[in-house]
Structures are given as C-alpha cells and as structure tokens.
Amino acid sequence: MTAMGSCVGTARVIVDKKRDQGLKVGLIKIRMFRPFPREKILDALNGKKAVGLIDRNVCFGWGSGTLFIELKAALFNSDTRIPLLNFIAGLSGLDITLQHIERAIDAIESAAQGKPYQEVTWLDLE
C-alpha cells in the first residue's frame, strides 16, 4: 500500500491488523511529491507482487489520481512489472475510513495472487 498525507495513519492501522492476521503487507509513505522519489520507490517495490495507492484527488484527463500517474510513469521504464491499483477516496474532505483501506488491501492481495483486478476504484462511490 502506498499513501500520502493524512490517510497514512489510517492505513498503518489496517496494515498492522493484516500483518497480525499473517498477510504480507507493507506501507510506503510518500512524504514529497516533487521531486518525485522515483528511485526510492522502485527500491521499496523490488520483489513485491502488487501495489496499490490511495489518491485524494483526480486527474480528470486520465481518470485516475495524480500520484497513480506518477508511480505508473516511474514503473514504465523500470524492470518492475506488477499489478498497480489506484484507489480514489476522501474527495471533498470526506474521511478515508478503516473500511476503505481494508477493501483496498484485500483488492491488492487478490491482484497479487494473479486474479483479475480493476485498475482504478472509487472507494467512496462503491
């Protein structure tokens, strides 16, 4: 799971819960968007089976979040080929809940097992 800003604390709670349940899950906290920490993120994703990230914004031209576009671009020229899932939540100041994070991690785990996945999911609308 990759997150930025205020939802990192919420994500950390669910990541710890899933680890206690025996699931191999981790959290990457993005502290700075520019310059984008491409190399550090690629190092952190080395050997991972899937990654999902939460965006609190929408890039309407792409139908996904801006952090997702940056991560996708970073992975494009790398040797890393893993499922990349984008979760959009918390728009207009709405809370990103524990249930949102749990649904996201469950979807990431499913994609890591090779099951079909949806690239962009609007958590507040589903």
N, C-alpha and C. Protein backbone atom coordinates (compact mmCIF):
# COMPACT_ATOMS: atom_id res chain seq x y z
N MET A 1 0.86 -1.17 0.00
CA MET A 1 0.00 0.00 0.00
C MET A 1 0.90 1.22 0.00
N THR A 2 0.55 2.19 -0.81
CA THR A 2 1.26 3.46 -0.88
C THR A 2 0.26 4.57 -0.59
N ALA A 3 0.64 5.49 0.26
CA ALA A 3 -0.26 6.58 0.62
C ALA A 3 0.55 7.83 0.90
N MET A 4 -0.18 8.93 0.95
CA MET A 4 0.45 10.23 1.17
C MET A 4 -0.48 11.08 2.03
N GLY A 5 0.08 11.79 2.98
CA GLY A 5 -0.72 12.73 3.75
C GLY A 5 -1.48 12.09 4.91
N SER A 6 -2.67 12.63 5.14
CA SER A 6 -3.42 12.29 6.34
C SER A 6 -3.93 10.85 6.39
N CYS A 7 -4.06 10.17 5.28
CA CYS A 7 -4.58 8.80 5.31
C CYS A 7 -3.52 7.77 5.69
N VAL A 8 -2.27 8.18 5.83
CA VAL A 8 -1.20 7.24 6.17
C VAL A 8 -1.44 6.62 7.55
N GLY A 9 -1.86 7.41 8.51
CA GLY A 9 -2.13 6.87 9.85
C GLY A 9 -3.23 5.83 9.85
N THR A 10 -4.28 6.10 9.09
CA THR A 10 -5.38 5.14 8.97
C THR A 10 -4.88 3.87 8.29
N ALA A 11 -4.10 4.04 7.24
CA ALA A 11 -3.56 2.88 6.52
C ALA A 11 -2.66 2.04 7.42
N ARG A 12 -1.89 2.70 8.26
CA ARG A 12 -0.97 1.98 9.15
C ARG A 12 -1.73 1.06 10.10
N VAL A 13 -2.89 1.50 10.57
CA VAL A 13 -3.71 0.68 11.47
C VAL A 13 -4.13 -0.62 10.77
N ILE A 14 -4.61 -0.52 9.55
CA ILE A 14 -5.07 -1.71 8.82
C ILE A 14 -3.89 -2.58 8.39
N VAL A 15 -2.79 -1.98 8.00
CA VAL A 15 -1.59 -2.75 7.64
C VAL A 15 -1.15 -3.59 8.84
N ASP A 16 -1.11 -3.00 10.02
CA ASP A 16 -0.73 -3.75 11.22
C ASP A 16 -1.73 -4.87 11.51
N LYS A 17 -3.01 -4.60 11.33
CA LYS A 17 -4.05 -5.61 11.54
C LYS A 17 -3.86 -6.79 10.57
N LYS A 18 -3.62 -6.47 9.29
CA LYS A 18 -3.43 -7.54 8.30
C LYS A 18 -2.17 -8.34 8.57
N ARG A 19 -1.12 -7.67 9.04
CA ARG A 19 0.11 -8.40 9.39
C ARG A 19 -0.14 -9.35 10.55
N ASP A 20 -0.93 -8.91 11.53
CA ASP A 20 -1.27 -9.77 12.66
C ASP A 20 -2.06 -10.99 12.20
N GLN A 21 -2.79 -10.85 11.09
CA GLN A 21 -3.54 -11.97 10.52
C GLN A 21 -2.67 -12.86 9.63
N GLY A 22 -1.38 -12.51 9.49
CA GLY A 22 -0.46 -13.33 8.71
C GLY A 22 -0.28 -12.92 7.26
N LEU A 23 -0.87 -11.83 6.86
CA LEU A 23 -0.75 -11.36 5.48
C LEU A 23 0.52 -10.54 5.33
N LYS A 24 1.27 -10.77 4.25
CA LYS A 24 2.47 -9.99 4.00
C LYS A 24 2.07 -8.70 3.30
N VAL A 25 2.02 -7.63 4.07
CA VAL A 25 1.61 -6.33 3.55
C VAL A 25 2.49 -5.26 4.17
N GLY A 26 2.74 -4.21 3.40
CA GLY A 26 3.56 -3.11 3.89
C GLY A 26 2.98 -1.78 3.46
N LEU A 27 3.59 -0.72 3.95
CA LEU A 27 3.11 0.63 3.67
C LEU A 27 4.28 1.51 3.28
N ILE A 28 4.14 2.19 2.16
CA ILE A 28 5.11 3.19 1.74
C ILE A 28 4.45 4.55 1.92
N LYS A 29 5.09 5.40 2.70
CA LYS A 29 4.58 6.75 2.92
C LYS A 29 5.35 7.70 2.01
N ILE A 30 4.62 8.36 1.12
CA ILE A 30 5.22 9.35 0.25
C ILE A 30 5.22 10.68 1.00
N ARG A 31 6.37 11.22 1.26
CA ARG A 31 6.46 12.48 2.01
C ARG A 31 6.54 13.69 1.09
N MET A 32 7.03 13.49 -0.12
CA MET A 32 7.24 14.60 -1.02
C MET A 32 6.84 14.18 -2.43
N PHE A 33 6.06 15.04 -3.09
CA PHE A 33 5.60 14.73 -4.44
C PHE A 33 6.57 15.23 -5.51
N ARG A 34 7.17 16.39 -5.28
CA ARG A 34 8.15 16.94 -6.20
C ARG A 34 9.41 17.31 -5.44
N PRO A 35 10.57 16.89 -5.85
CA PRO A 35 10.78 15.94 -6.94
C PRO A 35 10.30 14.56 -6.54
N PHE A 36 9.71 13.84 -7.49
CA PHE A 36 9.14 12.54 -7.20
C PHE A 36 10.26 11.56 -6.84
N PRO A 37 10.12 10.85 -5.71
CA PRO A 37 11.20 9.96 -5.23
C PRO A 37 11.23 8.62 -5.98
N ARG A 38 11.41 8.68 -7.28
CA ARG A 38 11.33 7.52 -8.16
C ARG A 38 12.23 6.36 -7.71
N GLU A 39 13.50 6.62 -7.52
CA GLU A 39 14.45 5.55 -7.18
C GLU A 39 14.13 4.90 -5.84
N LYS A 40 13.77 5.69 -4.85
CA LYS A 40 13.45 5.14 -3.53
C LYS A 40 12.20 4.26 -3.60
N ILE A 41 11.23 4.70 -4.37
CA ILE A 41 10.01 3.91 -4.50
C ILE A 41 10.28 2.62 -5.26
N LEU A 42 11.06 2.70 -6.33
CA LEU A 42 11.39 1.48 -7.08
C LEU A 42 12.15 0.49 -6.21
N ASP A 43 13.05 0.99 -5.37
CA ASP A 43 13.77 0.10 -4.44
C ASP A 43 12.80 -0.56 -3.46
N ALA A 44 11.85 0.21 -2.96
CA ALA A 44 10.88 -0.32 -2.00
C ALA A 44 9.96 -1.35 -2.65
N LEU A 45 9.68 -1.20 -3.93
CA LEU A 45 8.77 -2.13 -4.62
C LEU A 45 9.47 -3.35 -5.19
N ASN A 46 10.79 -3.39 -5.10
CA ASN A 46 11.54 -4.52 -5.63
C ASN A 46 11.11 -5.82 -4.95
N GLY A 47 10.66 -6.77 -5.73
CA GLY A 47 10.25 -8.07 -5.21
C GLY A 47 8.81 -8.15 -4.76
N LYS A 48 8.08 -7.08 -4.87
CA LYS A 48 6.67 -7.09 -4.45
C LYS A 48 5.80 -7.67 -5.57
N LYS A 49 4.66 -8.22 -5.19
CA LYS A 49 3.77 -8.87 -6.15
C LYS A 49 2.69 -7.94 -6.69
N ALA A 50 2.35 -6.89 -5.95
CA ALA A 50 1.34 -5.92 -6.38
C ALA A 50 1.46 -4.70 -5.49
N VAL A 51 0.99 -3.57 -6.00
CA VAL A 51 1.00 -2.34 -5.21
C VAL A 51 -0.29 -1.57 -5.49
N GLY A 52 -0.81 -0.98 -4.44
CA GLY A 52 -1.97 -0.12 -4.56
C GLY A 52 -1.68 1.19 -3.89
N LEU A 53 -2.31 2.24 -4.37
CA LEU A 53 -2.09 3.52 -3.75
C LEU A 53 -3.38 4.31 -3.67
N ILE A 54 -3.44 5.14 -2.66
CA ILE A 54 -4.63 5.94 -2.42
C ILE A 54 -4.36 7.36 -2.85
N ASP A 55 -5.27 7.89 -3.64
CA ASP A 55 -5.21 9.29 -4.06
C ASP A 55 -6.41 10.02 -3.49
N ARG A 56 -6.19 11.25 -3.05
CA ARG A 56 -7.29 12.11 -2.58
C ARG A 56 -7.62 13.14 -3.65
N ASN A 57 -7.27 12.87 -4.89
CA ASN A 57 -7.51 13.80 -5.97
C ASN A 57 -7.76 13.03 -7.25
N VAL A 58 -8.20 13.74 -8.27
CA VAL A 58 -8.49 13.12 -9.56
C VAL A 58 -7.84 13.94 -10.66
N CYS A 59 -7.16 13.27 -11.55
CA CYS A 59 -6.64 13.89 -12.76
C CYS A 59 -7.63 13.52 -13.86
N PHE A 60 -8.56 14.41 -14.14
CA PHE A 60 -9.69 14.08 -14.99
C PHE A 60 -9.30 13.63 -16.39
N GLY A 61 -8.20 14.12 -16.91
CA GLY A 61 -7.76 13.70 -18.24
C GLY A 61 -7.37 12.23 -18.30
N TRP A 62 -7.01 11.67 -17.15
CA TRP A 62 -6.58 10.27 -17.10
C TRP A 62 -7.56 9.37 -16.37
N GLY A 63 -8.49 9.94 -15.62
CA GLY A 63 -9.45 9.12 -14.90
C GLY A 63 -8.87 8.41 -13.70
N SER A 64 -7.79 8.95 -13.18
CA SER A 64 -7.14 8.36 -12.00
C SER A 64 -6.54 9.50 -11.19
N GLY A 65 -5.85 9.14 -10.12
CA GLY A 65 -5.21 10.15 -9.28
C GLY A 65 -3.83 10.52 -9.79
N THR A 66 -3.34 11.68 -9.37
CA THR A 66 -2.04 12.15 -9.85
C THR A 66 -0.87 11.33 -9.32
N LEU A 67 -0.95 10.86 -8.09
CA LEU A 67 0.11 10.02 -7.55
C LEU A 67 0.20 8.71 -8.33
N PHE A 68 -0.95 8.18 -8.71
CA PHE A 68 -1.00 6.95 -9.51
C PHE A 68 -0.30 7.15 -10.85
N ILE A 69 -0.55 8.28 -11.50
CA ILE A 69 0.08 8.55 -12.79
C ILE A 69 1.60 8.63 -12.65
N GLU A 70 2.06 9.29 -11.59
CA GLU A 70 3.50 9.40 -11.36
C GLU A 70 4.14 8.04 -11.09
N LEU A 71 3.47 7.22 -10.29
CA LEU A 71 4.02 5.89 -10.00
C LEU A 71 4.01 5.01 -11.24
N LYS A 72 2.95 5.10 -12.01
CA LYS A 72 2.87 4.32 -13.25
C LYS A 72 3.99 4.72 -14.21
N ALA A 73 4.25 6.01 -14.31
CA ALA A 73 5.33 6.50 -15.16
C ALA A 73 6.69 6.02 -14.65
N ALA A 74 6.87 6.01 -13.33
CA ALA A 74 8.13 5.54 -12.75
C ALA A 74 8.36 4.06 -13.03
N LEU A 75 7.29 3.28 -12.99
CA LEU A 75 7.41 1.84 -13.24
C LEU A 75 7.60 1.52 -14.73
N PHE A 76 7.16 2.42 -15.59
CA PHE A 76 7.19 2.16 -17.04
C PHE A 76 8.60 1.87 -17.54
N ASN A 77 9.57 2.64 -17.13
CA ASN A 77 10.95 2.46 -17.62
C ASN A 77 11.80 1.60 -16.69
N SER A 78 11.15 0.88 -15.79
CA SER A 78 11.90 0.02 -14.88
C SER A 78 11.67 -1.45 -15.26
N ASP A 79 12.35 -2.31 -14.57
CA ASP A 79 12.17 -3.75 -14.79
C ASP A 79 11.02 -4.31 -13.97
N THR A 80 10.40 -3.50 -13.15
CA THR A 80 9.32 -3.93 -12.27
C THR A 80 8.01 -4.00 -13.05
N ARG A 81 7.41 -5.17 -13.11
CA ARG A 81 6.13 -5.38 -13.78
C ARG A 81 5.18 -6.06 -12.80
N ILE A 82 4.41 -5.25 -12.12
CA ILE A 82 3.47 -5.77 -11.13
C ILE A 82 2.13 -5.07 -11.31
N PRO A 83 1.05 -5.70 -10.82
CA PRO A 83 -0.24 -5.01 -10.86
C PRO A 83 -0.19 -3.71 -10.04
N LEU A 84 -0.75 -2.67 -10.61
CA LEU A 84 -0.78 -1.36 -9.97
C LEU A 84 -2.24 -0.93 -9.87
N LEU A 85 -2.71 -0.76 -8.65
CA LEU A 85 -4.12 -0.42 -8.40
C LEU A 85 -4.22 0.96 -7.77
N ASN A 86 -5.16 1.75 -8.24
CA ASN A 86 -5.39 3.09 -7.73
C ASN A 86 -6.74 3.15 -7.02
N PHE A 87 -6.73 3.70 -5.81
CA PHE A 87 -7.95 3.86 -5.04
C PHE A 87 -8.15 5.35 -4.78
N ILE A 88 -9.27 5.87 -5.24
CA ILE A 88 -9.58 7.28 -5.05
C ILE A 88 -10.61 7.38 -3.94
N ALA A 89 -10.27 8.18 -2.93
CA ALA A 89 -11.15 8.34 -1.78
C ALA A 89 -10.86 9.67 -1.11
N GLY A 90 -11.77 10.10 -0.26
CA GLY A 90 -11.55 11.30 0.51
C GLY A 90 -11.72 12.59 -0.25
N LEU A 91 -12.40 12.55 -1.39
CA LEU A 91 -12.62 13.78 -2.14
C LEU A 91 -13.57 14.70 -1.38
N SER A 92 -13.44 15.96 -1.57
CA SER A 92 -14.28 16.98 -0.92
C SER A 92 -14.20 16.93 0.60
N GLY A 93 -13.08 16.48 1.11
CA GLY A 93 -12.90 16.44 2.55
C GLY A 93 -13.51 15.24 3.25
N LEU A 94 -14.04 14.28 2.50
CA LEU A 94 -14.59 13.08 3.13
C LEU A 94 -13.48 12.29 3.81
N ASP A 95 -13.85 11.56 4.84
CA ASP A 95 -12.88 10.73 5.55
C ASP A 95 -12.52 9.51 4.74
N ILE A 96 -11.27 9.09 4.87
CA ILE A 96 -10.86 7.79 4.37
C ILE A 96 -10.91 6.87 5.57
N THR A 97 -11.81 5.91 5.53
CA THR A 97 -12.10 5.08 6.70
C THR A 97 -11.25 3.82 6.74
N LEU A 98 -11.29 3.16 7.87
CA LEU A 98 -10.61 1.87 8.01
C LEU A 98 -11.16 0.86 7.00
N GLN A 99 -12.47 0.93 6.76
CA GLN A 99 -13.10 0.00 5.80
C GLN A 99 -12.59 0.26 4.38
N HIS A 100 -12.36 1.52 4.03
CA HIS A 100 -11.80 1.84 2.72
C HIS A 100 -10.43 1.19 2.54
N ILE A 101 -9.58 1.35 3.54
CA ILE A 101 -8.22 0.81 3.48
C ILE A 101 -8.26 -0.71 3.44
N GLU A 102 -9.13 -1.29 4.23
CA GLU A 102 -9.23 -2.75 4.26
C GLU A 102 -9.68 -3.30 2.91
N ARG A 103 -10.66 -2.66 2.29
CA ARG A 103 -11.11 -3.08 0.95
C ARG A 103 -9.98 -2.94 -0.07
N ALA A 104 -9.20 -1.87 0.05
CA ALA A 104 -8.09 -1.66 -0.87
C ALA A 104 -7.04 -2.76 -0.71
N ILE A 105 -6.68 -3.07 0.51
CA ILE A 105 -5.66 -4.10 0.75
C ILE A 105 -6.17 -5.47 0.28
N ASP A 106 -7.43 -5.76 0.49
CA ASP A 106 -7.99 -7.02 0.00
C ASP A 106 -7.91 -7.10 -1.52
N ALA A 107 -8.17 -5.99 -2.20
CA ALA A 107 -8.09 -5.96 -3.67
C ALA A 107 -6.65 -6.12 -4.14
N ILE A 108 -5.71 -5.51 -3.43
CA ILE A 108 -4.29 -5.64 -3.77
C ILE A 108 -3.84 -7.09 -3.60
N GLU A 109 -4.25 -7.71 -2.51
CA GLU A 109 -3.90 -9.12 -2.27
C GLU A 109 -4.45 -10.02 -3.36
N SER A 110 -5.67 -9.77 -3.78
CA SER A 110 -6.28 -10.54 -4.86
C SER A 110 -5.48 -10.39 -6.16
N ALA A 111 -5.08 -9.16 -6.48
CA ALA A 111 -4.28 -8.92 -7.68
C ALA A 111 -2.92 -9.59 -7.58
N ALA A 112 -2.34 -9.60 -6.38
CA ALA A 112 -1.04 -10.25 -6.18
C ALA A 112 -1.12 -11.75 -6.42
N GLN A 113 -2.29 -12.33 -6.22
CA GLN A 113 -2.49 -13.76 -6.46
C GLN A 113 -2.79 -14.07 -7.92
N GLY A 114 -2.77 -13.04 -8.77
CA GLY A 114 -3.00 -13.24 -10.19
C GLY A 114 -4.44 -13.15 -10.64
N LYS A 115 -5.32 -12.77 -9.75
CA LYS A 115 -6.74 -12.65 -10.10
C LYS A 115 -6.98 -11.34 -10.85
N PRO A 116 -8.03 -11.27 -11.66
CA PRO A 116 -8.33 -10.02 -12.37
C PRO A 116 -8.60 -8.89 -11.37
N TYR A 117 -8.23 -7.69 -11.77
CA TYR A 117 -8.40 -6.55 -10.88
C TYR A 117 -8.83 -5.32 -11.67
N GLN A 118 -9.41 -4.39 -10.96
CA GLN A 118 -9.83 -3.13 -11.52
C GLN A 118 -8.70 -2.12 -11.26
N GLU A 119 -8.22 -1.44 -12.30
CA GLU A 119 -7.09 -0.55 -12.14
C GLU A 119 -7.41 0.67 -11.26
N VAL A 120 -8.58 1.27 -11.46
CA VAL A 120 -8.97 2.45 -10.66
C VAL A 120 -10.29 2.15 -9.97
N THR A 121 -10.30 2.34 -8.66
CA THR A 121 -11.51 2.12 -7.87
C THR A 121 -11.82 3.37 -7.07
N TRP A 122 -13.06 3.84 -7.18
CA TRP A 122 -13.52 5.00 -6.41
C TRP A 122 -14.17 4.45 -5.15
N LEU A 123 -13.43 4.45 -4.03
CA LEU A 123 -13.90 3.82 -2.81
C LEU A 123 -15.14 4.48 -2.23
N ASP A 124 -15.28 5.77 -2.38
CA ASP A 124 -16.45 6.47 -1.82
C ASP A 124 -17.71 6.18 -2.61
N LEU A 125 -17.58 5.74 -3.85
CA LEU A 125 -18.75 5.54 -4.71
C LEU A 125 -19.21 4.10 -4.80
N GLU A 126 -18.45 3.19 -4.26
CA GLU A 126 -18.81 1.77 -4.36
C GLU A 126 -19.30 1.22 -3.05
